[in-house]
Amino acid sequence: MSKPIKIMLTTIITLTIVGIVAIILLIYVDFDESDSEPTISDMADSSFVTDEITTDLADGQFIRVQFRIVTDNQDTSEQLKSGDHFVINDAIIEELTVLEGSDFRNELTSVREDVKGAINDRLDEGEVTNVFITQKAVQ
């Protein structure tokens, strides 16, 4: 075969393979945008509100705080509501007692991440995806 025919056949075969791969991807890969950020109602459905927690801080101040803990699914939220909340309160208190009052004025993002990590460490199944501070009073 001549060189131009070989180049043409190679190009046609390559384009055919690329087309087949593209069709397979479109058929079998889900490009749905359901992995986007959950809506507020989704978060409310899979969340848990802690009791009001009062504890001392490392600098001698006291804090009274309440959290809304958002989980990855309703089952995890139900697990927290059903009686495992004392474990969650323990994890939260353990995290809060090493903080200072200034952390609750300047580092709320860090506080939320610390609480989220502490709770995730104690969960057997599921995951906490977000933590919101719903009430806070440093005294």
N, C-alpha and C. Protein backbone atom coordinates (compact mmCIF):
# COMPACT_ATOMS: atom_id res chain seq x y z
N MET A 1 0.84 -1.18 0.00
CA MET A 1 0.00 0.00 0.00
C MET A 1 0.88 1.25 0.00
N SER A 2 0.32 2.27 -0.57
CA SER A 2 1.07 3.52 -0.61
C SER A 2 0.93 4.27 0.70
N LYS A 3 1.83 5.18 0.90
CA LYS A 3 1.88 5.94 2.15
C LYS A 3 0.60 6.75 2.41
N PRO A 4 0.00 7.45 1.43
CA PRO A 4 -1.23 8.20 1.70
C PRO A 4 -2.39 7.30 2.12
N ILE A 5 -2.49 6.10 1.58
CA ILE A 5 -3.57 5.19 1.95
C ILE A 5 -3.38 4.71 3.38
N LYS A 6 -2.15 4.43 3.78
CA LYS A 6 -1.88 4.01 5.16
C LYS A 6 -2.25 5.12 6.15
N ILE A 7 -1.91 6.34 5.81
CA ILE A 7 -2.25 7.48 6.68
C ILE A 7 -3.76 7.64 6.79
N MET A 8 -4.46 7.51 5.66
CA MET A 8 -5.91 7.64 5.65
C MET A 8 -6.57 6.53 6.48
N LEU A 9 -6.13 5.29 6.33
CA LEU A 9 -6.69 4.18 7.10
C LEU A 9 -6.41 4.35 8.61
N THR A 10 -5.22 4.79 8.95
CA THR A 10 -4.87 5.02 10.35
C THR A 10 -5.76 6.11 10.94
N THR A 11 -5.99 7.16 10.19
CA THR A 11 -6.85 8.26 10.65
C THR A 11 -8.28 7.79 10.83
N ILE A 12 -8.81 7.03 9.89
CA ILE A 12 -10.18 6.53 9.99
C ILE A 12 -10.33 5.60 11.18
N ILE A 13 -9.38 4.71 11.39
CA ILE A 13 -9.43 3.77 12.53
C ILE A 13 -9.37 4.54 13.84
N THR A 14 -8.49 5.52 13.92
CA THR A 14 -8.35 6.32 15.14
C THR A 14 -9.64 7.08 15.44
N LEU A 15 -10.23 7.73 14.44
CA LEU A 15 -11.49 8.46 14.64
C LEU A 15 -12.62 7.52 15.04
N THR A 16 -12.64 6.32 14.48
CA THR A 16 -13.67 5.34 14.83
C THR A 16 -13.53 4.93 16.30
N ILE A 17 -12.32 4.68 16.74
CA ILE A 17 -12.10 4.28 18.14
C ILE A 17 -12.49 5.42 19.07
N VAL A 18 -12.11 6.65 18.75
CA VAL A 18 -12.47 7.81 19.58
C VAL A 18 -13.99 7.95 19.63
N GLY A 19 -14.68 7.75 18.50
CA GLY A 19 -16.14 7.84 18.47
C GLY A 19 -16.80 6.78 19.32
N ILE A 20 -16.29 5.56 19.27
CA ILE A 20 -16.85 4.47 20.08
C ILE A 20 -16.66 4.76 21.56
N VAL A 21 -15.48 5.23 21.95
CA VAL A 21 -15.23 5.57 23.35
C VAL A 21 -16.17 6.69 23.80
N ALA A 22 -16.38 7.70 22.96
CA ALA A 22 -17.29 8.80 23.30
C ALA A 22 -18.71 8.30 23.50
N ILE A 23 -19.18 7.42 22.64
CA ILE A 23 -20.53 6.87 22.76
C ILE A 23 -20.66 6.06 24.05
N ILE A 24 -19.66 5.24 24.36
CA ILE A 24 -19.70 4.44 25.59
C ILE A 24 -19.74 5.36 26.81
N LEU A 25 -18.94 6.41 26.81
CA LEU A 25 -18.96 7.36 27.94
C LEU A 25 -20.32 8.01 28.09
N LEU A 26 -20.92 8.42 27.00
CA LEU A 26 -22.23 9.07 27.08
C LEU A 26 -23.31 8.12 27.58
N ILE A 27 -23.20 6.85 27.23
CA ILE A 27 -24.21 5.88 27.65
C ILE A 27 -24.04 5.48 29.11
N TYR A 28 -22.81 5.20 29.54
CA TYR A 28 -22.59 4.60 30.85
C TYR A 28 -22.16 5.54 31.96
N VAL A 29 -21.71 6.71 31.64
CA VAL A 29 -21.27 7.64 32.67
C VAL A 29 -22.41 8.61 32.94
N ASP A 30 -22.73 8.77 34.22
CA ASP A 30 -23.81 9.65 34.62
C ASP A 30 -23.25 11.05 34.82
N PHE A 31 -23.62 11.96 33.95
CA PHE A 31 -23.15 13.33 34.05
C PHE A 31 -24.16 14.20 34.78
N ASP A 32 -25.04 13.57 35.55
CA ASP A 32 -26.04 14.31 36.31
C ASP A 32 -25.37 15.20 37.33
N GLU A 33 -25.91 16.37 37.55
CA GLU A 33 -25.32 17.31 38.48
C GLU A 33 -25.89 17.16 39.88
N SER A 34 -26.31 15.96 40.25
CA SER A 34 -26.85 15.73 41.57
C SER A 34 -25.78 15.78 42.65
N ASP A 35 -24.51 15.77 42.27
CA ASP A 35 -23.43 15.88 43.23
C ASP A 35 -23.18 17.33 43.63
N SER A 36 -24.00 18.24 43.14
CA SER A 36 -23.82 19.65 43.47
C SER A 36 -24.19 19.87 44.94
N GLU A 37 -24.02 21.07 45.38
CA GLU A 37 -24.30 21.41 46.77
C GLU A 37 -25.74 21.07 47.13
N PRO A 38 -25.95 20.48 48.31
CA PRO A 38 -27.32 20.18 48.72
C PRO A 38 -28.10 21.45 49.03
N THR A 39 -29.40 21.39 48.83
CA THR A 39 -30.25 22.54 49.13
C THR A 39 -30.45 22.64 50.63
N ILE A 40 -31.00 23.76 51.06
CA ILE A 40 -31.25 23.97 52.49
C ILE A 40 -32.24 22.94 53.01
N SER A 41 -33.26 22.61 52.23
CA SER A 41 -34.24 21.62 52.69
C SER A 41 -33.60 20.23 52.79
N ASP A 42 -32.68 19.90 51.88
CA ASP A 42 -31.96 18.62 51.98
C ASP A 42 -31.14 18.58 53.26
N MET A 43 -30.45 19.68 53.56
CA MET A 43 -29.64 19.73 54.78
C MET A 43 -30.52 19.64 56.02
N ALA A 44 -31.69 20.27 56.00
CA ALA A 44 -32.59 20.21 57.15
C ALA A 44 -33.09 18.78 57.38
N ASP A 45 -33.35 18.06 56.29
CA ASP A 45 -33.84 16.69 56.41
C ASP A 45 -32.80 15.75 57.00
N SER A 46 -31.53 16.00 56.72
CA SER A 46 -30.47 15.10 57.19
C SER A 46 -29.60 15.79 58.23
N SER A 47 -30.25 16.51 59.14
CA SER A 47 -29.47 17.20 60.17
C SER A 47 -29.99 16.88 61.56
N PHE A 48 -29.20 17.25 62.53
CA PHE A 48 -29.47 16.97 63.94
C PHE A 48 -29.10 18.21 64.73
N VAL A 49 -29.97 18.65 65.62
CA VAL A 49 -29.67 19.80 66.47
C VAL A 49 -29.28 19.28 67.84
N THR A 50 -28.12 19.71 68.32
CA THR A 50 -27.66 19.28 69.64
C THR A 50 -28.42 20.01 70.72
N ASP A 51 -28.37 19.47 71.90
CA ASP A 51 -28.86 20.20 73.06
C ASP A 51 -27.94 21.38 73.28
N GLU A 52 -28.38 22.33 74.08
CA GLU A 52 -27.50 23.44 74.43
C GLU A 52 -26.41 22.90 75.34
N ILE A 53 -25.16 23.17 74.98
CA ILE A 53 -24.01 22.65 75.71
C ILE A 53 -23.32 23.80 76.42
N THR A 54 -23.06 23.63 77.70
CA THR A 54 -22.32 24.62 78.47
C THR A 54 -21.05 23.95 78.98
N THR A 55 -19.92 24.59 78.72
CA THR A 55 -18.64 24.03 79.19
C THR A 55 -17.64 25.16 79.39
N ASP A 56 -16.60 24.84 80.13
CA ASP A 56 -15.53 25.83 80.35
C ASP A 56 -14.54 25.76 79.20
N LEU A 57 -13.82 26.87 79.02
CA LEU A 57 -12.81 26.96 77.98
C LEU A 57 -11.43 26.98 78.62
N ALA A 58 -10.42 26.86 77.81
CA ALA A 58 -9.04 26.79 78.31
C ALA A 58 -8.62 28.07 79.03
N ASP A 59 -9.22 29.22 78.66
CA ASP A 59 -8.84 30.48 79.29
C ASP A 59 -9.68 30.83 80.51
N GLY A 60 -10.51 29.90 80.98
CA GLY A 60 -11.31 30.11 82.18
C GLY A 60 -12.70 30.65 81.89
N GLN A 61 -12.99 31.05 80.68
CA GLN A 61 -14.33 31.52 80.33
C GLN A 61 -15.25 30.32 80.14
N PHE A 62 -16.52 30.60 80.06
CA PHE A 62 -17.51 29.56 79.80
C PHE A 62 -18.19 29.86 78.47
N ILE A 63 -18.66 28.80 77.83
CA ILE A 63 -19.43 28.97 76.60
C ILE A 63 -20.71 28.16 76.69
N ARG A 64 -21.75 28.77 76.17
CA ARG A 64 -23.03 28.08 76.00
C ARG A 64 -23.27 28.07 74.50
N VAL A 65 -23.36 26.88 73.91
CA VAL A 65 -23.39 26.77 72.46
C VAL A 65 -24.33 25.65 72.04
N GLN A 66 -24.88 25.81 70.84
CA GLN A 66 -25.74 24.79 70.25
C GLN A 66 -25.36 24.67 68.77
N PHE A 67 -25.35 23.44 68.26
CA PHE A 67 -24.94 23.18 66.89
C PHE A 67 -26.05 22.50 66.10
N ARG A 68 -26.08 22.74 64.80
CA ARG A 68 -26.86 21.93 63.87
C ARG A 68 -25.83 21.14 63.07
N ILE A 69 -25.92 19.82 63.18
CA ILE A 69 -24.97 18.93 62.54
C ILE A 69 -25.64 18.31 61.32
N VAL A 70 -25.07 18.57 60.15
CA VAL A 70 -25.62 18.07 58.88
C VAL A 70 -24.84 16.81 58.50
N THR A 71 -25.57 15.74 58.21
CA THR A 71 -24.95 14.47 57.87
C THR A 71 -25.13 14.17 56.39
N ASP A 72 -24.45 13.12 55.92
CA ASP A 72 -24.50 12.77 54.50
C ASP A 72 -25.80 12.09 54.11
N ASN A 73 -26.54 11.56 55.08
CA ASN A 73 -27.82 10.93 54.76
C ASN A 73 -28.72 10.93 55.98
N GLN A 74 -29.99 10.61 55.76
CA GLN A 74 -30.96 10.63 56.85
C GLN A 74 -30.71 9.53 57.87
N ASP A 75 -30.16 8.40 57.45
CA ASP A 75 -29.90 7.31 58.39
C ASP A 75 -28.91 7.74 59.47
N THR A 76 -27.87 8.45 59.08
CA THR A 76 -26.89 8.94 60.05
C THR A 76 -27.53 9.94 60.98
N SER A 77 -28.37 10.80 60.44
CA SER A 77 -29.08 11.77 61.25
C SER A 77 -29.99 11.07 62.26
N GLU A 78 -30.70 10.05 61.81
CA GLU A 78 -31.57 9.29 62.71
C GLU A 78 -30.76 8.59 63.79
N GLN A 79 -29.59 8.09 63.45
CA GLN A 79 -28.71 7.45 64.43
C GLN A 79 -28.34 8.46 65.52
N LEU A 80 -28.03 9.67 65.12
CA LEU A 80 -27.68 10.70 66.10
C LEU A 80 -28.87 11.08 66.97
N LYS A 81 -30.05 11.14 66.38
CA LYS A 81 -31.25 11.52 67.12
C LYS A 81 -31.70 10.42 68.07
N SER A 82 -31.42 9.17 67.74
CA SER A 82 -31.99 8.04 68.46
C SER A 82 -31.32 7.72 69.79
N GLY A 83 -30.25 8.38 70.12
CA GLY A 83 -29.68 8.09 71.42
C GLY A 83 -28.17 8.16 71.48
N ASP A 84 -27.54 8.27 70.34
CA ASP A 84 -26.09 8.38 70.35
C ASP A 84 -25.63 9.81 70.58
N HIS A 85 -26.57 10.70 70.90
CA HIS A 85 -26.20 12.10 71.05
C HIS A 85 -25.30 12.36 72.25
N PHE A 86 -25.31 11.49 73.25
CA PHE A 86 -24.40 11.69 74.38
C PHE A 86 -22.95 11.51 73.94
N VAL A 87 -22.72 10.64 72.97
CA VAL A 87 -21.37 10.46 72.42
C VAL A 87 -20.97 11.72 71.64
N ILE A 88 -21.92 12.28 70.93
CA ILE A 88 -21.67 13.50 70.17
C ILE A 88 -21.39 14.66 71.12
N ASN A 89 -22.18 14.79 72.17
CA ASN A 89 -21.94 15.86 73.15
C ASN A 89 -20.57 15.72 73.78
N ASP A 90 -20.16 14.49 74.07
CA ASP A 90 -18.83 14.27 74.64
C ASP A 90 -17.74 14.71 73.68
N ALA A 91 -17.90 14.38 72.40
CA ALA A 91 -16.91 14.78 71.39
C ALA A 91 -16.83 16.30 71.28
N ILE A 92 -17.99 16.95 71.32
CA ILE A 92 -18.02 18.41 71.21
C ILE A 92 -17.36 19.04 72.43
N ILE A 93 -17.70 18.59 73.61
CA ILE A 93 -17.12 19.16 74.83
C ILE A 93 -15.61 18.95 74.85
N GLU A 94 -15.17 17.79 74.41
CA GLU A 94 -13.74 17.50 74.35
C GLU A 94 -13.02 18.49 73.43
N GLU A 95 -13.64 18.85 72.32
CA GLU A 95 -13.04 19.81 71.40
C GLU A 95 -13.09 21.24 71.95
N LEU A 96 -14.18 21.59 72.62
CA LEU A 96 -14.36 22.97 73.07
C LEU A 96 -13.48 23.33 74.26
N THR A 97 -13.18 22.37 75.12
CA THR A 97 -12.44 22.71 76.34
C THR A 97 -11.00 23.10 76.07
N VAL A 98 -10.46 22.82 74.90
CA VAL A 98 -9.09 23.23 74.59
C VAL A 98 -9.05 24.57 73.88
N LEU A 99 -10.23 25.12 73.57
CA LEU A 99 -10.30 26.41 72.88
C LEU A 99 -10.39 27.55 73.87
N GLU A 100 -10.23 28.76 73.38
CA GLU A 100 -10.35 29.97 74.20
C GLU A 100 -11.50 30.80 73.68
N GLY A 101 -11.94 31.75 74.48
CA GLY A 101 -13.05 32.61 74.09
C GLY A 101 -12.78 33.35 72.79
N SER A 102 -11.54 33.74 72.55
CA SER A 102 -11.21 34.47 71.32
C SER A 102 -11.41 33.60 70.07
N ASP A 103 -11.30 32.28 70.23
CA ASP A 103 -11.54 31.39 69.09
C ASP A 103 -12.98 31.51 68.61
N PHE A 104 -13.90 31.78 69.54
CA PHE A 104 -15.31 31.90 69.18
C PHE A 104 -15.65 33.28 68.65
N ARG A 105 -14.71 34.18 68.70
CA ARG A 105 -14.91 35.50 68.11
C ARG A 105 -14.22 35.61 66.76
N ASN A 106 -13.07 34.93 66.60
CA ASN A 106 -12.24 35.12 65.42
C ASN A 106 -12.10 33.88 64.54
N GLU A 107 -12.31 32.70 65.06
CA GLU A 107 -11.99 31.46 64.35
C GLU A 107 -13.17 30.50 64.28
N LEU A 108 -14.36 31.00 63.96
CA LEU A 108 -15.54 30.13 63.95
C LEU A 108 -15.45 29.02 62.90
N THR A 109 -14.84 29.31 61.77
CA THR A 109 -14.68 28.27 60.74
C THR A 109 -13.83 27.13 61.27
N SER A 110 -12.77 27.47 61.96
CA SER A 110 -11.89 26.45 62.54
C SER A 110 -12.63 25.65 63.62
N VAL A 111 -13.42 26.33 64.43
CA VAL A 111 -14.20 25.65 65.48
C VAL A 111 -15.16 24.65 64.84
N ARG A 112 -15.86 25.09 63.79
CA ARG A 112 -16.81 24.18 63.13
C ARG A 112 -16.09 22.97 62.53
N GLU A 113 -14.93 23.19 61.91
CA GLU A 113 -14.17 22.08 61.33
C GLU A 113 -13.67 21.12 62.41
N ASP A 114 -13.22 21.66 63.54
CA ASP A 114 -12.76 20.81 64.64
C ASP A 114 -13.89 19.94 65.18
N VAL A 115 -15.06 20.54 65.36
CA VAL A 115 -16.21 19.79 65.86
C VAL A 115 -16.63 18.73 64.84
N LYS A 116 -16.63 19.10 63.58
CA LYS A 116 -16.98 18.15 62.52
C LYS A 116 -16.03 16.94 62.53
N GLY A 117 -14.74 17.20 62.64
CA GLY A 117 -13.76 16.10 62.68
C GLY A 117 -13.92 15.22 63.90
N ALA A 118 -14.19 15.84 65.06
CA ALA A 118 -14.36 15.07 66.29
C ALA A 118 -15.58 14.15 66.22
N ILE A 119 -16.66 14.65 65.64
CA ILE A 119 -17.87 13.83 65.53
C ILE A 119 -17.65 12.71 64.51
N ASN A 120 -17.03 13.03 63.39
CA ASN A 120 -16.75 12.00 62.37
C ASN A 120 -15.88 10.88 62.93
N ASP A 121 -14.97 11.22 63.83
CA ASP A 121 -14.12 10.20 64.44
C ASP A 121 -14.92 9.22 65.28
N ARG A 122 -16.06 9.66 65.80
CA ARG A 122 -16.87 8.81 66.68
C ARG A 122 -17.99 8.07 65.97
N LEU A 123 -18.27 8.43 64.73
CA LEU A 123 -19.36 7.76 64.01
C LEU A 123 -18.89 6.44 63.42
N ASP A 124 -19.73 5.41 63.55
CA ASP A 124 -19.43 4.11 62.96
C ASP A 124 -19.75 4.12 61.47
N GLU A 125 -20.90 4.68 61.14
CA GLU A 125 -21.34 4.73 59.75
C GLU A 125 -21.78 6.15 59.43
N GLY A 126 -21.68 6.52 58.18
CA GLY A 126 -22.09 7.84 57.76
C GLY A 126 -21.01 8.87 58.04
N GLU A 127 -21.34 10.12 57.72
CA GLU A 127 -20.36 11.17 57.86
C GLU A 127 -21.07 12.50 58.10
N VAL A 128 -20.45 13.33 58.90
CA VAL A 128 -20.92 14.70 59.09
C VAL A 128 -20.33 15.53 57.95
N THR A 129 -21.20 16.22 57.22
CA THR A 129 -20.74 17.02 56.09
C THR A 129 -20.58 18.49 56.43
N ASN A 130 -21.32 18.95 57.44
CA ASN A 130 -21.24 20.35 57.80
C ASN A 130 -21.71 20.54 59.23
N VAL A 131 -21.20 21.58 59.88
CA VAL A 131 -21.60 21.92 61.24
C VAL A 131 -21.90 23.41 61.25
N PHE A 132 -23.07 23.75 61.78
CA PHE A 132 -23.46 25.15 61.92
C PHE A 132 -23.62 25.48 63.39
N ILE A 133 -23.17 26.63 63.79
CA ILE A 133 -23.37 27.10 65.17
C ILE A 133 -24.67 27.88 65.17
N THR A 134 -25.66 27.38 65.91
CA THR A 134 -26.97 28.02 65.91
C THR A 134 -27.16 28.97 67.08
N GLN A 135 -26.43 28.73 68.17
CA GLN A 135 -26.45 29.64 69.33
C GLN A 135 -25.06 29.64 69.95
N LYS A 136 -24.66 30.80 70.46
CA LYS A 136 -23.36 30.87 71.12
C LYS A 136 -23.35 32.05 72.06
N ALA A 137 -22.83 31.80 73.26
CA ALA A 137 -22.66 32.88 74.24
C ALA A 137 -21.41 32.56 75.04
N VAL A 138 -20.40 33.43 74.91
CA VAL A 138 -19.15 33.28 75.68
C VAL A 138 -19.29 34.17 76.90
N GLN A 139 -19.02 33.60 78.09
CA GLN A 139 -19.16 34.37 79.32
C GLN A 139 -17.84 34.39 80.07
